Amino acid sequence: MSDQPDAIRERRGRNLDRAVSFSDAVMSIALTLLVLPLVDIATDNADEPILDQLDRFEPQILGFVVSFLVISQFWGAHRRVWSYLADYDEKLLTINTFWLLLIVFLPYPTALLFTESDTNSGSAIFYLLVLLGIGGLMLLQAWYVARHPWLRHVDDQRSVRAQVLPTVVTTAVFALAILLTLVDRSFGLLSLLLLILVQRFAAQKDEPVRKPRPETRP
């Protein structure tokens, strides 16, 4: 009985839900790791006035805010790709595993970025290269899903271009940020704010077309 197609689909559906839940949990852990250095700062400087702490440790606080927003944007991109899935395979899971690896690794280059001198672009480029790797693996996931339509829900009629374009633009933003950082570190990092516009554009493209309800007369 367990070998019936319906039972197999149900089991694979449960496993797909587990894969999504696991990815969400890993991203939650990565976000938690970002705040731990700030907790250490507060503990080690408990006798210092809060305003003085905010002024002295502004780079670390800024690093937390930037990386929190970046990981949140990645979570949104991951959610949009995986929300269309009806099935999965081991290749997709493998790509997703390496993507999660870089997500969890991100707090390390973040710590380097906001503890070194503003004139040192090396840590900024390292940070952006990690982001570029995360974006590239997200693009690979989107492309893989787009090229394997049997993984998606039958009602997903988007073209390959529509599925892949948002992650292409996101990856391009990281590449642009690296180039700008070679000229000016601060300007290069600020260019990451373009990700917010990219994700808003992607979210609008994913919104379903709502047909107006017919008017009802009494």
N, C-alpha and C. Protein backbone atom coordinates (compact mmCIF):
# COMPACT_ATOMS: atom_id res chain seq x y z
N MET A 1 0.82 -1.20 0.00
CA MET A 1 0.00 0.00 0.00
C MET A 1 0.87 1.26 0.00
N SER A 2 2.01 1.13 0.72
CA SER A 2 2.89 2.29 0.82
C SER A 2 3.57 2.61 -0.50
N ASP A 3 3.51 1.63 -1.47
CA ASP A 3 4.17 1.86 -2.76
C ASP A 3 3.26 2.54 -3.77
N GLN A 4 2.03 2.86 -3.36
CA GLN A 4 1.12 3.52 -4.28
C GLN A 4 1.61 4.93 -4.57
N PRO A 5 1.37 5.43 -5.80
CA PRO A 5 1.86 6.77 -6.16
C PRO A 5 1.40 7.86 -5.20
N ASP A 6 0.14 7.82 -4.75
CA ASP A 6 -0.36 8.84 -3.84
C ASP A 6 0.42 8.85 -2.53
N ALA A 7 0.74 7.65 -2.02
CA ALA A 7 1.50 7.56 -0.78
C ALA A 7 2.91 8.10 -0.97
N ILE A 8 3.51 7.82 -2.14
CA ILE A 8 4.86 8.31 -2.42
C ILE A 8 4.86 9.83 -2.51
N ARG A 9 3.87 10.39 -3.20
CA ARG A 9 3.79 11.84 -3.32
C ARG A 9 3.60 12.49 -1.95
N GLU A 10 2.77 11.86 -1.12
CA GLU A 10 2.54 12.41 0.22
C GLU A 10 3.83 12.40 1.04
N ARG A 11 4.59 11.30 0.94
CA ARG A 11 5.83 11.21 1.69
C ARG A 11 6.84 12.23 1.20
N ARG A 12 6.95 12.40 -0.13
CA ARG A 12 7.89 13.37 -0.68
C ARG A 12 7.45 14.79 -0.34
N GLY A 13 6.14 15.01 -0.26
CA GLY A 13 5.65 16.33 0.14
C GLY A 13 6.05 16.66 1.56
N ARG A 14 5.98 15.67 2.45
CA ARG A 14 6.42 15.89 3.83
C ARG A 14 7.92 16.17 3.88
N ASN A 15 8.69 15.45 3.08
CA ASN A 15 10.14 15.69 3.06
C ASN A 15 10.48 17.07 2.51
N LEU A 16 9.70 17.53 1.53
CA LEU A 16 9.91 18.87 1.00
C LEU A 16 9.63 19.91 2.08
N ASP A 17 8.58 19.71 2.85
CA ASP A 17 8.29 20.63 3.95
C ASP A 17 9.42 20.63 4.98
N ARG A 18 10.00 19.46 5.22
CA ARG A 18 11.11 19.38 6.16
C ARG A 18 12.33 20.14 5.63
N ALA A 19 12.58 20.04 4.33
CA ALA A 19 13.72 20.76 3.74
C ALA A 19 13.53 22.26 3.85
N VAL A 20 12.31 22.73 3.62
CA VAL A 20 12.03 24.17 3.75
C VAL A 20 12.18 24.61 5.20
N SER A 21 11.64 23.82 6.12
CA SER A 21 11.74 24.16 7.55
C SER A 21 13.19 24.18 8.01
N PHE A 22 13.98 23.22 7.51
CA PHE A 22 15.40 23.18 7.87
C PHE A 22 16.12 24.43 7.37
N SER A 23 15.83 24.84 6.14
CA SER A 23 16.46 26.04 5.59
C SER A 23 16.08 27.27 6.41
N ASP A 24 14.80 27.39 6.78
CA ASP A 24 14.36 28.51 7.61
C ASP A 24 15.08 28.51 8.95
N ALA A 25 15.26 27.32 9.54
CA ALA A 25 15.92 27.23 10.85
C ALA A 25 17.38 27.65 10.75
N VAL A 26 18.06 27.24 9.67
CA VAL A 26 19.47 27.61 9.50
C VAL A 26 19.60 29.13 9.36
N MET A 27 18.71 29.75 8.61
CA MET A 27 18.77 31.20 8.46
C MET A 27 18.48 31.90 9.78
N SER A 28 17.59 31.33 10.58
CA SER A 28 17.32 31.91 11.90
C SER A 28 18.56 31.83 12.78
N ILE A 29 19.28 30.73 12.71
CA ILE A 29 20.52 30.58 13.48
C ILE A 29 21.55 31.61 13.02
N ALA A 30 21.67 31.79 11.70
CA ALA A 30 22.62 32.76 11.17
C ALA A 30 22.29 34.17 11.66
N LEU A 31 21.02 34.52 11.70
CA LEU A 31 20.62 35.83 12.20
C LEU A 31 20.94 35.97 13.68
N THR A 32 20.77 34.88 14.43
CA THR A 32 21.08 34.90 15.86
C THR A 32 22.58 35.09 16.09
N LEU A 33 23.40 34.41 15.27
CA LEU A 33 24.85 34.54 15.42
C LEU A 33 25.32 35.97 15.20
N LEU A 34 24.61 36.71 14.36
CA LEU A 34 25.02 38.08 14.09
C LEU A 34 24.96 38.96 15.33
N VAL A 35 24.00 38.70 16.20
CA VAL A 35 23.80 39.59 17.34
C VAL A 35 24.69 39.22 18.53
N LEU A 36 25.29 38.04 18.52
CA LEU A 36 26.09 37.61 19.67
C LEU A 36 27.26 38.55 19.98
N PRO A 37 28.00 39.07 18.97
CA PRO A 37 29.06 40.03 19.31
C PRO A 37 28.54 41.28 20.01
N LEU A 38 27.32 41.71 19.67
CA LEU A 38 26.75 42.88 20.35
C LEU A 38 26.42 42.56 21.80
N VAL A 39 26.00 41.32 22.06
CA VAL A 39 25.74 40.90 23.44
C VAL A 39 27.03 40.92 24.24
N ASP A 40 28.12 40.45 23.63
CA ASP A 40 29.42 40.49 24.31
C ASP A 40 29.86 41.92 24.61
N ILE A 41 29.61 42.82 23.67
CA ILE A 41 29.96 44.23 23.88
C ILE A 41 29.19 44.80 25.07
N ALA A 42 27.90 44.51 25.10
CA ALA A 42 27.07 45.02 26.20
C ALA A 42 27.51 44.44 27.54
N THR A 43 27.91 43.17 27.55
CA THR A 43 28.34 42.52 28.80
C THR A 43 29.69 43.05 29.27
N ASP A 44 30.62 43.21 28.34
CA ASP A 44 31.97 43.64 28.71
C ASP A 44 32.04 45.12 29.06
N ASN A 45 31.04 45.89 28.67
CA ASN A 45 31.05 47.34 28.91
C ASN A 45 29.80 47.77 29.66
N ALA A 46 29.40 46.94 30.62
CA ALA A 46 28.14 47.19 31.33
C ALA A 46 28.15 48.51 32.09
N ASP A 47 29.34 48.96 32.55
CA ASP A 47 29.42 50.18 33.34
C ASP A 47 29.49 51.44 32.47
N GLU A 48 29.62 51.28 31.18
CA GLU A 48 29.72 52.42 30.28
C GLU A 48 28.33 52.93 29.90
N PRO A 49 28.10 54.22 29.88
CA PRO A 49 26.78 54.75 29.48
C PRO A 49 26.39 54.25 28.09
N ILE A 50 25.10 54.02 27.89
CA ILE A 50 24.61 53.43 26.66
C ILE A 50 24.93 54.29 25.45
N LEU A 51 24.85 55.62 25.60
CA LEU A 51 25.14 56.50 24.46
C LEU A 51 26.61 56.41 24.06
N ASP A 52 27.48 56.26 25.05
CA ASP A 52 28.90 56.11 24.74
C ASP A 52 29.16 54.79 24.02
N GLN A 53 28.46 53.74 24.45
CA GLN A 53 28.59 52.45 23.77
C GLN A 53 28.15 52.54 22.32
N LEU A 54 27.00 53.19 22.11
CA LEU A 54 26.48 53.32 20.74
C LEU A 54 27.45 54.09 19.85
N ASP A 55 28.11 55.08 20.42
CA ASP A 55 29.06 55.87 19.63
C ASP A 55 30.34 55.10 19.37
N ARG A 56 30.86 54.42 20.39
CA ARG A 56 32.15 53.73 20.25
C ARG A 56 32.05 52.48 19.41
N PHE A 57 30.92 51.81 19.49
CA PHE A 57 30.76 50.54 18.76
C PHE A 57 29.80 50.68 17.58
N GLU A 58 29.74 51.86 17.03
CA GLU A 58 28.86 52.10 15.88
C GLU A 58 29.17 51.19 14.70
N PRO A 59 30.45 50.92 14.35
CA PRO A 59 30.72 50.02 13.22
C PRO A 59 30.15 48.62 13.43
N GLN A 60 30.27 48.08 14.65
CA GLN A 60 29.74 46.74 14.91
C GLN A 60 28.22 46.73 14.82
N ILE A 61 27.58 47.78 15.32
CA ILE A 61 26.12 47.85 15.25
C ILE A 61 25.68 47.98 13.80
N LEU A 62 26.38 48.79 13.04
CA LEU A 62 26.06 48.94 11.62
C LEU A 62 26.23 47.62 10.88
N GLY A 63 27.30 46.88 11.24
CA GLY A 63 27.51 45.58 10.61
C GLY A 63 26.36 44.63 10.88
N PHE A 64 25.86 44.64 12.11
CA PHE A 64 24.72 43.79 12.44
C PHE A 64 23.49 44.16 11.61
N VAL A 65 23.21 45.45 11.51
CA VAL A 65 22.00 45.90 10.79
C VAL A 65 22.10 45.53 9.31
N VAL A 66 23.26 45.82 8.69
CA VAL A 66 23.43 45.54 7.26
C VAL A 66 23.28 44.04 6.98
N SER A 67 23.98 43.22 7.76
CA SER A 67 23.93 41.78 7.51
C SER A 67 22.55 41.19 7.82
N PHE A 68 21.88 41.73 8.82
CA PHE A 68 20.52 41.27 9.11
C PHE A 68 19.60 41.53 7.92
N LEU A 69 19.70 42.73 7.35
CA LEU A 69 18.87 43.07 6.21
C LEU A 69 19.22 42.22 4.99
N VAL A 70 20.53 41.98 4.79
CA VAL A 70 20.95 41.19 3.63
C VAL A 70 20.44 39.75 3.74
N ILE A 71 20.60 39.13 4.91
CA ILE A 71 20.11 37.76 5.08
C ILE A 71 18.60 37.71 4.95
N SER A 72 17.91 38.74 5.42
CA SER A 72 16.46 38.79 5.27
C SER A 72 16.06 38.82 3.79
N GLN A 73 16.83 39.57 2.99
CA GLN A 73 16.56 39.60 1.56
C GLN A 73 16.80 38.24 0.92
N PHE A 74 17.86 37.57 1.36
CA PHE A 74 18.12 36.22 0.85
C PHE A 74 17.00 35.26 1.23
N TRP A 75 16.50 35.41 2.44
CA TRP A 75 15.40 34.55 2.87
C TRP A 75 14.18 34.76 1.99
N GLY A 76 13.90 36.02 1.65
CA GLY A 76 12.78 36.31 0.77
C GLY A 76 12.96 35.69 -0.61
N ALA A 77 14.18 35.76 -1.15
CA ALA A 77 14.45 35.16 -2.46
C ALA A 77 14.31 33.64 -2.40
N HIS A 78 14.82 33.04 -1.34
CA HIS A 78 14.71 31.58 -1.17
C HIS A 78 13.25 31.17 -1.04
N ARG A 79 12.48 31.93 -0.29
CA ARG A 79 11.06 31.61 -0.11
C ARG A 79 10.31 31.66 -1.43
N ARG A 80 10.63 32.66 -2.27
CA ARG A 80 9.92 32.76 -3.54
C ARG A 80 10.24 31.59 -4.47
N VAL A 81 11.50 31.14 -4.49
CA VAL A 81 11.86 30.02 -5.35
C VAL A 81 11.22 28.73 -4.86
N TRP A 82 11.30 28.47 -3.57
CA TRP A 82 10.82 27.20 -3.03
C TRP A 82 9.31 27.15 -2.86
N SER A 83 8.64 28.29 -2.86
CA SER A 83 7.19 28.28 -2.69
C SER A 83 6.48 27.69 -3.91
N TYR A 84 7.18 27.65 -5.05
CA TYR A 84 6.58 27.09 -6.26
C TYR A 84 6.86 25.60 -6.42
N LEU A 85 7.62 25.01 -5.50
CA LEU A 85 8.00 23.61 -5.65
C LEU A 85 6.87 22.68 -5.22
N ALA A 86 6.70 21.63 -6.02
CA ALA A 86 5.82 20.53 -5.64
C ALA A 86 6.62 19.28 -5.35
N ASP A 87 7.90 19.27 -5.75
CA ASP A 87 8.77 18.11 -5.55
C ASP A 87 10.21 18.62 -5.47
N TYR A 88 11.15 17.72 -5.26
CA TYR A 88 12.56 18.07 -5.14
C TYR A 88 13.39 16.89 -5.61
N ASP A 89 14.68 17.11 -5.77
CA ASP A 89 15.60 16.00 -6.01
C ASP A 89 16.90 16.28 -5.26
N GLU A 90 17.81 15.32 -5.29
CA GLU A 90 19.03 15.42 -4.49
C GLU A 90 19.95 16.53 -4.98
N LYS A 91 19.95 16.81 -6.29
CA LYS A 91 20.80 17.87 -6.81
C LYS A 91 20.37 19.23 -6.25
N LEU A 92 19.07 19.46 -6.21
CA LEU A 92 18.57 20.72 -5.67
C LEU A 92 18.91 20.83 -4.18
N LEU A 93 18.77 19.75 -3.45
CA LEU A 93 19.11 19.76 -2.03
C LEU A 93 20.59 20.03 -1.81
N THR A 94 21.43 19.48 -2.70
CA THR A 94 22.87 19.71 -2.57
C THR A 94 23.22 21.18 -2.80
N ILE A 95 22.63 21.78 -3.83
CA ILE A 95 22.86 23.21 -4.08
C ILE A 95 22.40 24.03 -2.88
N ASN A 96 21.24 23.67 -2.34
CA ASN A 96 20.70 24.39 -1.20
C ASN A 96 21.59 24.24 0.03
N THR A 97 22.20 23.07 0.21
CA THR A 97 23.09 22.84 1.35
C THR A 97 24.30 23.76 1.30
N PHE A 98 24.92 23.89 0.12
CA PHE A 98 26.08 24.78 -0.01
C PHE A 98 25.65 26.25 0.18
N TRP A 99 24.45 26.58 -0.27
CA TRP A 99 23.91 27.93 -0.07
C TRP A 99 23.77 28.23 1.42
N LEU A 100 23.24 27.26 2.17
CA LEU A 100 23.09 27.44 3.61
C LEU A 100 24.45 27.53 4.30
N LEU A 101 25.43 26.80 3.78
CA LEU A 101 26.77 26.86 4.35
C LEU A 101 27.32 28.29 4.32
N LEU A 102 27.15 28.97 3.20
CA LEU A 102 27.63 30.34 3.10
C LEU A 102 26.79 31.29 3.95
N ILE A 103 25.50 31.02 4.08
CA ILE A 103 24.65 31.84 4.94
C ILE A 103 25.16 31.80 6.38
N VAL A 104 25.46 30.60 6.87
CA VAL A 104 25.94 30.46 8.25
C VAL A 104 27.35 31.04 8.40
N PHE A 105 28.15 31.00 7.33
CA PHE A 105 29.51 31.53 7.36
C PHE A 105 29.53 33.06 7.36
N LEU A 106 28.46 33.69 6.92
CA LEU A 106 28.44 35.14 6.72
C LEU A 106 28.80 35.95 7.97
N PRO A 107 28.41 35.54 9.20
CA PRO A 107 28.81 36.34 10.38
C PRO A 107 30.31 36.53 10.51
N TYR A 108 31.12 35.60 10.00
CA TYR A 108 32.58 35.75 10.10
C TYR A 108 33.09 36.93 9.27
N PRO A 109 32.82 36.98 7.96
CA PRO A 109 33.27 38.17 7.21
C PRO A 109 32.60 39.45 7.68
N THR A 110 31.40 39.32 8.25
CA THR A 110 30.74 40.51 8.80
C THR A 110 31.55 41.07 9.97
N ALA A 111 32.02 40.18 10.86
CA ALA A 111 32.82 40.63 11.99
C ALA A 111 34.12 41.28 11.51
N LEU A 112 34.75 40.72 10.49
CA LEU A 112 35.98 41.31 9.95
C LEU A 112 35.70 42.68 9.33
N LEU A 113 34.59 42.77 8.63
CA LEU A 113 34.27 43.98 7.89
C LEU A 113 34.14 45.20 8.80
N PHE A 114 33.45 45.01 9.93
CA PHE A 114 33.13 46.16 10.76
C PHE A 114 34.03 46.29 11.98
N THR A 115 35.17 45.61 11.97
CA THR A 115 36.15 45.82 13.03
C THR A 115 37.46 46.35 12.46
N GLU A 116 37.61 46.35 11.14
CA GLU A 116 38.82 46.86 10.52
C GLU A 116 38.63 48.32 10.11
N SER A 117 39.71 48.93 9.73
CA SER A 117 39.71 50.34 9.37
C SER A 117 38.84 50.58 8.13
N ASP A 118 38.20 51.75 8.12
CA ASP A 118 37.36 52.12 6.97
C ASP A 118 38.16 52.25 5.68
N THR A 119 39.47 52.45 5.82
CA THR A 119 40.30 52.61 4.63
C THR A 119 40.77 51.27 4.06
N ASN A 120 40.49 50.18 4.77
CA ASN A 120 40.91 48.85 4.33
C ASN A 120 39.78 48.22 3.52
N SER A 121 39.99 48.07 2.21
CA SER A 121 38.95 47.51 1.36
C SER A 121 39.01 45.99 1.28
N GLY A 122 40.07 45.37 1.81
CA GLY A 122 40.22 43.92 1.71
C GLY A 122 39.11 43.16 2.40
N SER A 123 38.75 43.58 3.62
CA SER A 123 37.68 42.89 4.34
C SER A 123 36.34 43.12 3.66
N ALA A 124 36.15 44.32 3.08
CA ALA A 124 34.90 44.61 2.38
C ALA A 124 34.76 43.73 1.14
N ILE A 125 35.84 43.55 0.41
CA ILE A 125 35.79 42.71 -0.79
C ILE A 125 35.54 41.26 -0.41
N PHE A 126 36.18 40.80 0.67
CA PHE A 126 35.94 39.44 1.15
C PHE A 126 34.47 39.24 1.52
N TYR A 127 33.91 40.21 2.24
CA TYR A 127 32.49 40.18 2.62
C TYR A 127 31.59 40.11 1.38
N LEU A 128 31.89 40.95 0.40
CA LEU A 128 31.06 40.99 -0.80
C LEU A 128 31.24 39.74 -1.66
N LEU A 129 32.43 39.15 -1.65
CA LEU A 129 32.64 37.90 -2.39
C LEU A 129 31.80 36.77 -1.79
N VAL A 130 31.69 36.75 -0.46
CA VAL A 130 30.81 35.75 0.17
C VAL A 130 29.36 35.99 -0.24
N LEU A 131 28.95 37.26 -0.25
CA LEU A 131 27.59 37.58 -0.69
C LEU A 131 27.39 37.19 -2.16
N LEU A 132 28.41 37.42 -2.98
CA LEU A 132 28.33 37.04 -4.38
C LEU A 132 28.17 35.53 -4.51
N GLY A 133 28.89 34.77 -3.68
CA GLY A 133 28.73 33.32 -3.70
C GLY A 133 27.34 32.89 -3.29
N ILE A 134 26.78 33.55 -2.27
CA ILE A 134 25.41 33.24 -1.84
C ILE A 134 24.43 33.56 -2.97
N GLY A 135 24.62 34.74 -3.59
CA GLY A 135 23.74 35.11 -4.69
C GLY A 135 23.87 34.17 -5.88
N GLY A 136 25.12 33.74 -6.17
CA GLY A 136 25.32 32.81 -7.28
C GLY A 136 24.64 31.47 -7.05
N LEU A 137 24.72 30.96 -5.81
CA LEU A 137 24.05 29.68 -5.51
C LEU A 137 22.54 29.84 -5.51
N MET A 138 22.05 31.02 -5.11
CA MET A 138 20.61 31.25 -5.20
C MET A 138 20.17 31.29 -6.66
N LEU A 139 20.99 31.91 -7.51
CA LEU A 139 20.72 31.93 -8.94
C LEU A 139 20.73 30.52 -9.51
N LEU A 140 21.66 29.70 -9.07
CA LEU A 140 21.74 28.32 -9.54
C LEU A 140 20.49 27.54 -9.14
N GLN A 141 19.99 27.78 -7.94
CA GLN A 141 18.75 27.12 -7.53
C GLN A 141 17.57 27.55 -8.41
N ALA A 142 17.46 28.86 -8.63
CA ALA A 142 16.35 29.36 -9.45
C ALA A 142 16.44 28.80 -10.87
N TRP A 143 17.65 28.77 -11.43
CA TRP A 143 17.82 28.24 -12.78
C TRP A 143 17.48 26.75 -12.83
N TYR A 144 17.91 26.00 -11.82
CA TYR A 144 17.66 24.56 -11.79
C TYR A 144 16.16 24.27 -11.72
N VAL A 145 15.47 25.01 -10.88
CA VAL A 145 14.02 24.81 -10.77
C VAL A 145 13.33 25.20 -12.07
N ALA A 146 13.80 26.30 -12.69
CA ALA A 146 13.18 26.75 -13.94
C ALA A 146 13.39 25.74 -15.06
N ARG A 147 14.55 25.05 -15.07
CA ARG A 147 14.86 24.10 -16.13
C ARG A 147 14.28 22.71 -15.87
N HIS A 148 13.68 22.50 -14.73
CA HIS A 148 13.08 21.20 -14.39
C HIS A 148 11.63 21.43 -13.97
N PRO A 149 10.75 21.63 -14.95
CA PRO A 149 9.37 22.02 -14.63
C PRO A 149 8.60 20.99 -13.82
N TRP A 150 9.02 19.71 -13.84
CA TRP A 150 8.30 18.71 -13.06
C TRP A 150 8.49 18.90 -11.55
N LEU A 151 9.43 19.76 -11.17
CA LEU A 151 9.60 20.06 -9.75
C LEU A 151 8.60 21.09 -9.25
N ARG A 152 7.97 21.82 -10.18
CA ARG A 152 7.12 22.94 -9.80
C ARG A 152 5.64 22.54 -9.82
N HIS A 153 4.84 23.38 -9.16
CA HIS A 153 3.40 23.19 -9.20
C HIS A 153 2.90 23.35 -10.64
N VAL A 154 1.86 22.63 -10.97
CA VAL A 154 1.35 22.66 -12.34
C VAL A 154 0.79 24.03 -12.71
N ASP A 155 0.38 24.81 -11.69
CA ASP A 155 -0.20 26.12 -12.00
C ASP A 155 0.86 27.21 -12.13
N ASP A 156 2.13 26.85 -12.02
CA ASP A 156 3.21 27.82 -12.21
C ASP A 156 3.53 27.91 -13.70
N GLN A 157 3.02 28.95 -14.33
CA GLN A 157 3.17 29.12 -15.77
C GLN A 157 4.19 30.20 -16.13
N ARG A 158 5.03 30.58 -15.19
CA ARG A 158 6.02 31.62 -15.47
C ARG A 158 7.08 31.11 -16.44
N SER A 159 7.60 32.02 -17.24
CA SER A 159 8.68 31.67 -18.15
C SER A 159 9.98 31.51 -17.38
N VAL A 160 10.97 30.88 -18.03
CA VAL A 160 12.27 30.73 -17.40
C VAL A 160 12.86 32.10 -17.08
N ARG A 161 12.69 33.05 -17.97
CA ARG A 161 13.22 34.40 -17.75
C ARG A 161 12.61 35.04 -16.51
N ALA A 162 11.30 34.89 -16.35
CA ALA A 162 10.63 35.49 -15.19
C ALA A 162 11.09 34.86 -13.89
N GLN A 163 11.42 33.58 -13.92
CA GLN A 163 11.86 32.88 -12.72
C GLN A 163 13.29 33.24 -12.32
N VAL A 164 14.14 33.45 -13.30
CA VAL A 164 15.57 33.61 -13.04
C VAL A 164 15.98 35.08 -12.93
N LEU A 165 15.24 35.98 -13.60
CA LEU A 165 15.66 37.38 -13.69
C LEU A 165 15.93 38.04 -12.33
N PRO A 166 15.05 37.89 -11.31
CA PRO A 166 15.34 38.57 -10.03
C PRO A 166 16.67 38.15 -9.41
N THR A 167 17.01 36.86 -9.48
CA THR A 167 18.28 36.42 -8.89
C THR A 167 19.46 36.84 -9.75
N VAL A 168 19.26 36.98 -11.06
CA VAL A 168 20.33 37.51 -11.92
C VAL A 168 20.65 38.95 -11.52
N VAL A 169 19.60 39.76 -11.32
CA VAL A 169 19.81 41.15 -10.94
C VAL A 169 20.46 41.25 -9.56
N THR A 170 20.03 40.38 -8.63
CA THR A 170 20.63 40.37 -7.29
C THR A 170 22.12 40.08 -7.36
N THR A 171 22.50 39.06 -8.13
CA THR A 171 23.91 38.72 -8.28
C THR A 171 24.68 39.86 -8.93
N ALA A 172 24.05 40.55 -9.88
CA ALA A 172 24.69 41.69 -10.53
C ALA A 172 24.94 42.82 -9.54
N VAL A 173 24.04 43.00 -8.57
CA VAL A 173 24.22 44.04 -7.55
C VAL A 173 25.48 43.75 -6.73
N PHE A 174 25.69 42.48 -6.37
CA PHE A 174 26.88 42.13 -5.61
C PHE A 174 28.15 42.38 -6.43
N ALA A 175 28.11 42.02 -7.70
CA ALA A 175 29.27 42.27 -8.56
C ALA A 175 29.55 43.78 -8.67
N LEU A 176 28.48 44.57 -8.81
CA LEU A 176 28.64 46.02 -8.87
C LEU A 176 29.22 46.56 -7.56
N ALA A 177 28.75 46.02 -6.44
CA ALA A 177 29.24 46.49 -5.14
C ALA A 177 30.73 46.21 -4.98
N ILE A 178 31.19 45.08 -5.49
CA ILE A 178 32.62 44.76 -5.42
C ILE A 178 33.43 45.77 -6.22
N LEU A 179 32.97 46.08 -7.41
CA LEU A 179 33.69 47.04 -8.25
C LEU A 179 33.71 48.43 -7.60
N LEU A 180 32.58 48.83 -7.02
CA LEU A 180 32.52 50.15 -6.38
C LEU A 180 33.40 50.20 -5.13
N THR A 181 33.52 49.07 -4.44
CA THR A 181 34.34 49.02 -3.23
C THR A 181 35.81 49.24 -3.56
N LEU A 182 36.24 48.82 -4.74
CA LEU A 182 37.62 49.05 -5.15
C LEU A 182 37.91 50.54 -5.28
N VAL A 183 36.85 51.32 -5.53
CA VAL A 183 37.00 52.78 -5.64
C VAL A 183 36.79 53.45 -4.29
N ASP A 184 35.68 53.08 -3.63
CA ASP A 184 35.35 53.66 -2.33
C ASP A 184 34.61 52.62 -1.50
N ARG A 185 35.20 52.24 -0.37
CA ARG A 185 34.64 51.17 0.46
C ARG A 185 33.21 51.47 0.91
N SER A 186 33.00 52.67 1.45
CA SER A 186 31.68 53.01 1.99
C SER A 186 30.63 53.03 0.90
N PHE A 187 30.98 53.62 -0.25
CA PHE A 187 30.02 53.71 -1.34
C PHE A 187 29.66 52.32 -1.87
N GLY A 188 30.66 51.44 -1.92
CA GLY A 188 30.40 50.08 -2.37
C GLY A 188 29.44 49.34 -1.46
N LEU A 189 29.62 49.50 -0.16
CA LEU A 189 28.73 48.81 0.79
C LEU A 189 27.32 49.41 0.76
N LEU A 190 27.25 50.72 0.61
CA LEU A 190 25.93 51.36 0.54
C LEU A 190 25.15 50.92 -0.69
N SER A 191 25.85 50.52 -1.74
CA SER A 191 25.16 50.08 -2.95
C SER A 191 24.34 48.81 -2.71
N LEU A 192 24.61 48.11 -1.59
CA LEU A 192 23.81 46.92 -1.26
C LEU A 192 22.35 47.27 -0.99
N LEU A 193 22.09 48.54 -0.70
CA LEU A 193 20.70 48.96 -0.49
C LEU A 193 19.86 48.75 -1.75
N LEU A 194 20.50 48.63 -2.89
CA LEU A 194 19.77 48.34 -4.12
C LEU A 194 19.04 47.01 -4.04
N LEU A 195 19.50 46.12 -3.15
CA LEU A 195 18.84 44.83 -2.99
C LEU A 195 17.39 44.99 -2.57
N ILE A 196 17.11 46.01 -1.77
CA ILE A 196 15.73 46.23 -1.32
C ILE A 196 14.83 46.50 -2.52
N LEU A 197 15.31 47.32 -3.46
CA LEU A 197 14.52 47.61 -4.66
C LEU A 197 14.34 46.35 -5.51
N VAL A 198 15.41 45.54 -5.61
CA VAL A 198 15.34 44.31 -6.39
C VAL A 198 14.29 43.36 -5.82
N GLN A 199 14.31 43.20 -4.50
CA GLN A 199 13.37 42.27 -3.88
C GLN A 199 11.94 42.77 -3.97
N ARG A 200 11.75 44.08 -3.89
CA ARG A 200 10.39 44.63 -4.07
C ARG A 200 9.89 44.39 -5.49
N PHE A 201 10.79 44.53 -6.46
CA PHE A 201 10.43 44.25 -7.85
C PHE A 201 10.05 42.79 -8.02
N ALA A 202 10.84 41.90 -7.42
CA ALA A 202 10.57 40.47 -7.53
C ALA A 202 9.25 40.11 -6.87
N ALA A 203 8.97 40.73 -5.72
CA ALA A 203 7.73 40.44 -5.01
C ALA A 203 6.52 40.88 -5.83
N GLN A 204 6.63 42.02 -6.50
CA GLN A 204 5.52 42.50 -7.35
C GLN A 204 5.27 41.55 -8.51
N LYS A 205 6.35 40.99 -9.08
CA LYS A 205 6.20 40.06 -10.19
C LYS A 205 5.53 38.76 -9.75
N ASP A 206 5.69 38.41 -8.47
CA ASP A 206 5.13 37.16 -7.98
C ASP A 206 3.70 37.30 -7.49
N GLU A 207 3.21 38.54 -7.39
CA GLU A 207 1.84 38.72 -6.91
C GLU A 207 0.86 38.20 -7.96
N PRO A 208 -0.15 37.44 -7.52
CA PRO A 208 -1.11 36.93 -8.48
C PRO A 208 -2.00 38.03 -9.03
N VAL A 209 -2.41 37.85 -10.26
CA VAL A 209 -3.31 38.81 -10.88
C VAL A 209 -4.71 38.59 -10.33
N ARG A 210 -5.27 39.60 -9.72
CA ARG A 210 -6.58 39.49 -9.10
C ARG A 210 -7.64 40.02 -10.05
N LYS A 211 -8.58 39.20 -10.37
CA LYS A 211 -9.68 39.63 -11.23
C LYS A 211 -10.73 40.33 -10.40
N PRO A 212 -11.29 41.41 -10.92
CA PRO A 212 -12.32 42.11 -10.14
C PRO A 212 -13.56 41.25 -9.97
N ARG A 213 -14.14 41.36 -8.80
CA ARG A 213 -15.36 40.60 -8.56
C ARG A 213 -16.53 41.20 -9.31
N PRO A 214 -17.39 40.36 -9.84
CA PRO A 214 -18.56 40.90 -10.53
C PRO A 214 -19.49 41.59 -9.53
N GLU A 215 -20.06 42.68 -9.98
CA GLU A 215 -20.96 43.42 -9.11
C GLU A 215 -22.24 42.62 -8.90
N THR A 216 -22.70 42.66 -7.68
CA THR A 216 -23.95 41.97 -7.33
C THR A 216 -25.02 43.00 -7.04
N ARG A 217 -26.10 42.87 -7.70
CA ARG A 217 -27.21 43.82 -7.49
C ARG A 217 -28.23 43.20 -6.55
N PRO A 218 -28.76 44.04 -5.66
CA PRO A 218 -29.79 43.52 -4.74
C PRO A 218 -31.05 43.13 -5.49
